[in-house]
C-alpha atoms as a PDB file:
ATOM      1  CA  UNK A   1       0.000   0.000   0.000  1.00  0.00           C
ATOM      2  CA  UNK A   2       1.548   3.377  -0.962  1.00  0.00           C
ATOM      3  CA  UNK A   3       2.100   6.135   1.560  1.00  0.00           C
ATOM      4  CA  UNK A   4       2.256   9.880   1.059  1.00  0.00           C
ATOM      5  CA  UNK A   5       5.495  11.823   0.779  1.00  0.00           C
ATOM      6  CA  UNK A   6       4.728  13.475   4.125  1.00  0.00           C
ATOM      7  CA  UNK A   7       4.418  10.101   5.852  1.00  0.00           C
ATOM      8  CA  UNK A   8       7.605   8.946   4.164  1.00  0.00           C
ATOM      9  CA  UNK A   9       9.544  11.964   5.450  1.00  0.00           C
ATOM     10  CA  UNK A  10       8.121  11.626   8.973  1.00  0.00           C
ATOM     11  CA  UNK A  11       9.447   8.090   9.196  1.00  0.00           C
ATOM     12  CA  UNK A  12      13.051   9.212   9.049  1.00  0.00           C
ATOM     13  CA  UNK A  13      12.857  12.348  11.173  1.00  0.00           C
ATOM     14  CA  UNK A  14      15.130  12.759  14.122  1.00  0.00           C
ATOM     15  CA  UNK A  15      13.109  12.834  17.376  1.00  0.00           C
ATOM     16  CA  UNK A  16      14.749  16.105  18.396  1.00  0.00           C
ATOM     17  CA  UNK A  17      13.470  17.714  15.187  1.00  0.00           C
ATOM     18  CA  UNK A  18       9.980  16.396  15.846  1.00  0.00           C
ATOM     19  CA  UNK A  19      10.034  17.902  19.335  1.00  0.00           C
ATOM     20  CA  UNK A  20      11.356  21.218  18.023  1.00  0.00           C
ATOM     21  CA  UNK A  21       8.703  21.331  15.307  1.00  0.00           C
ATOM     22  CA  UNK A  22       5.954  20.689  17.833  1.00  0.00           C
ATOM     23  CA  UNK A  23       7.256  23.203  20.374  1.00  0.00           C
ATOM     24  CA  UNK A  24       7.913  25.914  17.782  1.00  0.00           C
ATOM     25  CA  UNK A  25       4.435  25.538  16.279  1.00  0.00           C
ATOM     26  CA  UNK A  26       2.962  25.717  19.785  1.00  0.00           C
ATOM     27  CA  UNK A  27       5.332  28.361  21.161  1.00  0.00           C
ATOM     28  CA  UNK A  28       2.622  30.022  23.251  1.00  0.00           C
ATOM     29  CA  UNK A  29       2.240  26.939  25.459  1.00  0.00           C
ATOM     30  CA  UNK A  30       4.514  25.008  27.787  1.00  0.00           C
ATOM     31  CA  UNK A  31       4.299  21.235  28.170  1.00  0.00           C
ATOM     32  CA  UNK A  32       5.221  18.650  30.781  1.00  0.00           C
ATOM     33  CA  UNK A  33       7.362  15.640  30.012  1.00  0.00           C
ATOM     34  CA  UNK A  34       4.265  13.409  30.094  1.00  0.00           C
ATOM     35  CA  UNK A  35       2.519  15.598  27.523  1.00  0.00           C
ATOM     36  CA  UNK A  36       5.549  15.594  25.242  1.00  0.00           C
ATOM     37  CA  UNK A  37       5.807  11.823  25.573  1.00  0.00           C
ATOM     38  CA  UNK A  38       2.203  11.572  24.341  1.00  0.00           C
ATOM     39  CA  UNK A  39       3.075  13.825  21.393  1.00  0.00           C
ATOM     40  CA  UNK A  40       6.002  11.591  20.443  1.00  0.00           C
ATOM     41  CA  UNK A  41       3.830   8.482  20.673  1.00  0.00           C
ATOM     42  CA  UNK A  42       1.285  10.125  18.370  1.00  0.00           C
ATOM     43  CA  UNK A  43       4.057  10.436  15.750  1.00  0.00           C
ATOM     44  CA  UNK A  44       4.905   6.728  16.136  1.00  0.00           C
ATOM     45  CA  UNK A  45       8.163   7.527  17.925  1.00  0.00           C
ATOM     46  CA  UNK A  46       8.087   5.360  21.024  1.00  0.00           C
ATOM     47  CA  UNK A  47      10.779   6.941  23.168  1.00  0.00           C
ATOM     48  CA  UNK A  48      11.221   6.576  26.893  1.00  0.00           C
ATOM     49  CA  UNK A  49      10.762   9.587  29.151  1.00  0.00           C
ATOM     50  CA  UNK A  50      14.488   9.439  29.832  1.00  0.00           C
ATOM     51  CA  UNK A  51      15.253   9.733  26.101  1.00  0.00           C
ATOM     52  CA  UNK A  52      12.852  12.649  25.690  1.00  0.00           C
ATOM     53  CA  UNK A  53      14.257  14.369  28.764  1.00  0.00           C
ATOM     54  CA  UNK A  54      17.779  13.930  27.388  1.00  0.00           C
ATOM     55  CA  UNK A  55      16.723  15.518  24.079  1.00  0.00           C
ATOM     56  CA  UNK A  56      15.031  18.389  25.925  1.00  0.00           C
ATOM     57  CA  UNK A  57      18.128  18.972  28.058  1.00  0.00           C
ATOM     58  CA  UNK A  58      20.300  19.147  24.941  1.00  0.00           C
ATOM     59  CA  UNK A  59      17.854  21.555  23.292  1.00  0.00           C
ATOM     60  CA  UNK A  60      17.794  23.666  26.448  1.00  0.00           C
ATOM     61  CA  UNK A  61      21.590  23.741  26.559  1.00  0.00           C
ATOM     62  CA  UNK A  62      21.545  24.917  22.943  1.00  0.00           C
ATOM     63  CA  UNK A  63      19.115  27.707  23.818  1.00  0.00           C
ATOM     64  CA  UNK A  64      16.227  26.334  21.777  1.00  0.00           C
ATOM     65  CA  UNK A  65      14.043  25.264  24.711  1.00  0.00           C
ATOM     66  CA  UNK A  66      13.388  26.786  28.122  1.00  0.00           C
ATOM     67  CA  UNK A  67      12.209  24.939  31.205  1.00  0.00           C
ATOM     68  CA  UNK A  68      10.615  26.150  34.395  1.00  0.00           C
ATOM     69  CA  UNK A  69       9.282  24.376  37.458  1.00  0.00           C
ATOM     70  CA  UNK A  70       5.756  25.469  38.310  1.00  0.00           C
ATOM     71  CA  UNK A  71       3.859  23.904  41.205  1.00  0.00           C
ATOM     72  CA  UNK A  72       6.320  21.016  41.337  1.00  0.00           C
ATOM     73  CA  UNK A  73       6.112  20.159  37.629  1.00  0.00           C
ATOM     74  CA  UNK A  74       8.733  20.936  35.009  1.00  0.00           C
ATOM     75  CA  UNK A  75       7.348  22.600  31.882  1.00  0.00           C
ATOM     76  CA  UNK A  76       9.164  22.989  28.584  1.00  0.00           C
ATOM     77  CA  UNK A  77       8.532  25.540  25.872  1.00  0.00           C
ATOM     78  CA  UNK A  78      10.112  26.813  22.707  1.00  0.00           C
ATOM     79  CA  UNK A  79      12.580  29.623  23.220  1.00  0.00           C
ATOM     80  CA  UNK A  80      11.939  32.252  20.593  1.00  0.00           C
ATOM     81  CA  UNK A  81      15.198  33.776  19.451  1.00  0.00           C
ATOM     82  CA  UNK A  82      15.016  37.518  19.108  1.00  0.00           C
ATOM     83  CA  UNK A  83      16.102  38.641  15.702  1.00  0.00           C
ATOM     84  CA  UNK A  84      18.118  41.687  14.868  1.00  0.00           C
ATOM     85  CA  UNK A  85      16.176  44.870  14.459  1.00  0.00           C
ATOM     86  CA  UNK A  86      17.599  47.279  11.935  1.00  0.00           C
ATOM     87  CA  UNK A  87      16.837  50.942  12.331  1.00  0.00           C
END
């Protein structure tokens, strides 16, 4: 059975890119590790929480993701990079 080009490309995507795509498209919201695990499962990427947390830590170190603990839960969100403003 044939699949679409979009499905074909999704099959080879790096999990860190999938997380970045999701977080950047939803930059106004912050998500817990459990919520991001559910997102990864919905894309047929069955990663452990430890793997996802490792990816998020690397993305945070690179300045692409921010985390904050609120009411005992860690939330992650996309870190918008401010562009240069020319006068």
